[in-house]
């Protein structure tokens, strides 16, 4: 991707890379899965345990629920190998994106878009209605 309206003509263009999921034409259905306490144990119902888990563990020390990798691979493959897309949703903050992505890779769980929460809407920070958020004027 490239930002078309560069901040300054003298500066290098602003570029970034991103993964995009385009479901296969052979897909028969899509899978939408929660991550928290479905794929990975997060202790979402116990805030103290949840915070300690986030602070004291990483993608190598956390374990998936038994059988989830095989189940999700089978759902993705479908009955005839149709390559069904998987989408993950979570109440986790965006700053856990890399940990979750690496966790899925390490555990051989099929990848898919991770829909996470804004950090400002998570844990210690109050919810701010989107309509009241304002961009900084130029």
Protein backbone atom coordinates (compact mmCIF):
# COMPACT_ATOMS: atom_id res chain seq x y z
CA UNK A 1 0.00 0.00 0.00
CA UNK A 2 1.11 3.54 -0.59
CA UNK A 3 -0.27 6.77 0.81
CA UNK A 4 -1.23 8.86 -2.22
CA UNK A 5 -1.21 12.22 -0.42
CA UNK A 6 2.35 12.22 0.85
CA UNK A 7 3.04 14.53 3.84
CA UNK A 8 5.70 16.33 1.80
CA UNK A 9 6.74 16.01 -1.84
CA UNK A 10 10.39 15.98 -0.73
CA UNK A 11 9.90 12.98 1.57
CA UNK A 12 9.86 9.37 0.48
CA UNK A 13 6.38 7.96 -0.14
CA UNK A 14 4.66 6.38 2.86
CA UNK A 15 4.37 2.64 2.19
CA UNK A 16 3.21 -0.38 4.18
CA UNK A 17 2.56 -4.06 3.63
CA UNK A 18 -0.55 -5.90 4.75
CA UNK A 19 -2.12 -9.31 4.42
CA UNK A 20 -5.49 -9.46 2.71
CA UNK A 21 -7.87 -12.42 2.77
CA UNK A 22 -9.77 -13.03 -0.44
CA UNK A 23 -11.99 -16.07 0.11
CA UNK A 24 -11.61 -18.80 -2.49
CA UNK A 25 -14.33 -19.18 -5.11
CA UNK A 26 -14.63 -22.79 -3.91
CA UNK A 27 -15.39 -21.79 -0.29
CA UNK A 28 -18.75 -23.14 0.87
CA UNK A 29 -18.92 -21.24 4.18
CA UNK A 30 -16.89 -18.99 6.47
CA UNK A 31 -15.89 -19.69 10.04
CA UNK A 32 -16.09 -16.88 12.61
CA UNK A 33 -14.41 -17.86 15.88
CA UNK A 34 -13.75 -16.17 19.15
CA UNK A 35 -10.15 -16.51 20.34
CA UNK A 36 -10.56 -15.90 24.07
CA UNK A 37 -11.20 -19.16 25.91
CA UNK A 38 -12.12 -20.86 22.62
CA UNK A 39 -8.76 -21.19 20.85
CA UNK A 40 -6.45 -20.07 23.67
CA UNK A 41 -6.99 -19.96 27.42
CA UNK A 42 -7.21 -16.30 28.46
CA UNK A 43 -9.24 -16.53 31.70
CA UNK A 44 -11.48 -13.76 30.34
CA UNK A 45 -13.98 -14.24 33.20
CA UNK A 46 -11.29 -13.56 35.84
CA UNK A 47 -9.64 -10.18 35.17
CA UNK A 48 -6.69 -10.75 37.54
CA UNK A 49 -5.86 -14.16 36.03
CA UNK A 50 -6.29 -12.68 32.56
CA UNK A 51 -3.85 -9.83 33.23
CA UNK A 52 -1.33 -12.21 34.84
CA UNK A 53 -1.59 -14.55 31.85
CA UNK A 54 -0.88 -11.70 29.44
CA UNK A 55 2.04 -10.39 31.51
CA UNK A 56 3.67 -13.72 32.41
CA UNK A 57 3.27 -15.74 29.21
CA UNK A 58 4.10 -15.55 25.53
CA UNK A 59 3.24 -17.33 22.29
CA UNK A 60 5.62 -20.19 23.18
CA UNK A 61 4.31 -20.85 26.69
CA UNK A 62 0.58 -20.61 25.98
CA UNK A 63 -1.27 -23.68 24.80
CA UNK A 64 -4.37 -24.08 22.63
CA UNK A 65 -7.42 -25.99 23.75
CA UNK A 66 -6.97 -29.66 22.96
CA UNK A 67 -8.02 -30.55 19.43
CA UNK A 68 -8.68 -26.99 18.26
CA UNK A 69 -5.91 -27.01 15.63
CA UNK A 70 -7.21 -30.18 13.98
CA UNK A 71 -10.82 -29.04 14.17
CA UNK A 72 -10.07 -25.66 12.56
CA UNK A 73 -7.92 -27.25 9.84
CA UNK A 74 -10.79 -29.65 9.06
CA UNK A 75 -13.34 -26.80 8.98
CA UNK A 76 -11.07 -24.79 6.70
CA UNK A 77 -10.49 -27.76 4.39
CA UNK A 78 -14.18 -28.71 4.35
CA UNK A 79 -15.56 -31.93 2.92
CA UNK A 80 -13.92 -31.51 -0.48
CA UNK A 81 -10.91 -29.28 0.22
CA UNK A 82 -12.79 -26.08 -0.53
CA UNK A 83 -10.52 -23.71 1.53
CA UNK A 84 -13.15 -22.06 3.74
CA UNK A 85 -12.00 -18.75 5.29
CA UNK A 86 -11.60 -18.33 9.05
CA UNK A 87 -12.07 -15.01 10.84
CA UNK A 88 -11.07 -14.53 14.48
CA UNK A 89 -12.66 -12.08 16.89
CA UNK A 90 -11.41 -11.18 20.35
CA UNK A 91 -11.74 -8.69 23.17
CA UNK A 92 -7.94 -8.63 23.25
CA UNK A 93 -6.20 -5.36 22.49
CA UNK A 94 -4.37 -4.73 19.22
CA UNK A 95 -1.04 -4.75 21.05
CA UNK A 96 -1.47 -8.56 21.35
CA UNK A 97 -1.75 -8.99 17.57
CA UNK A 98 1.80 -10.26 17.06
CA UNK A 99 1.56 -12.67 20.01
CA UNK A 100 -1.73 -14.10 18.69
CA UNK A 101 -0.45 -14.38 15.11
CA UNK A 102 2.72 -16.18 16.26
CA UNK A 103 0.65 -18.40 18.57
CA UNK A 104 -1.58 -19.49 15.65
CA UNK A 105 1.52 -20.19 13.52
CA UNK A 106 3.32 -22.15 16.26
CA UNK A 107 0.25 -24.25 17.03
CA UNK A 108 -0.49 -24.95 13.33
CA UNK A 109 -3.92 -23.31 13.63
CA UNK A 110 -5.14 -21.88 10.29
CA UNK A 111 -4.55 -18.17 9.88
CA UNK A 112 -7.28 -15.64 9.25
CA UNK A 113 -7.97 -11.98 9.95
CA UNK A 114 -7.73 -11.06 13.65
CA UNK A 115 -10.42 -8.56 14.66
CA UNK A 116 -9.20 -7.05 17.92
CA UNK A 117 -10.20 -4.08 20.08
CA UNK A 118 -8.72 -0.61 20.22
CA UNK A 119 -6.40 -0.36 23.24
CA UNK A 120 -8.41 2.64 24.51
CA UNK A 121 -11.47 0.40 24.85
CA UNK A 122 -9.65 -2.27 26.84
CA UNK A 123 -8.93 -3.06 30.49
CA UNK A 124 -8.14 0.13 32.40
CA UNK A 125 -9.34 2.64 29.83
CA UNK A 126 -12.99 3.68 29.57
CA UNK A 127 -14.93 3.23 26.36
CA UNK A 128 -14.96 6.34 24.19
CA UNK A 129 -17.85 6.46 21.73
CA UNK A 130 -16.48 6.55 18.17
CA UNK A 131 -18.58 9.62 17.32
CA UNK A 132 -16.73 11.70 19.93
CA UNK A 133 -13.25 10.80 18.70
CA UNK A 134 -11.86 13.61 16.61
CA UNK A 135 -8.98 13.76 14.21
CA UNK A 136 -6.31 16.35 14.88
CA UNK A 137 -6.87 19.34 12.58
CA UNK A 138 -4.13 20.18 10.06
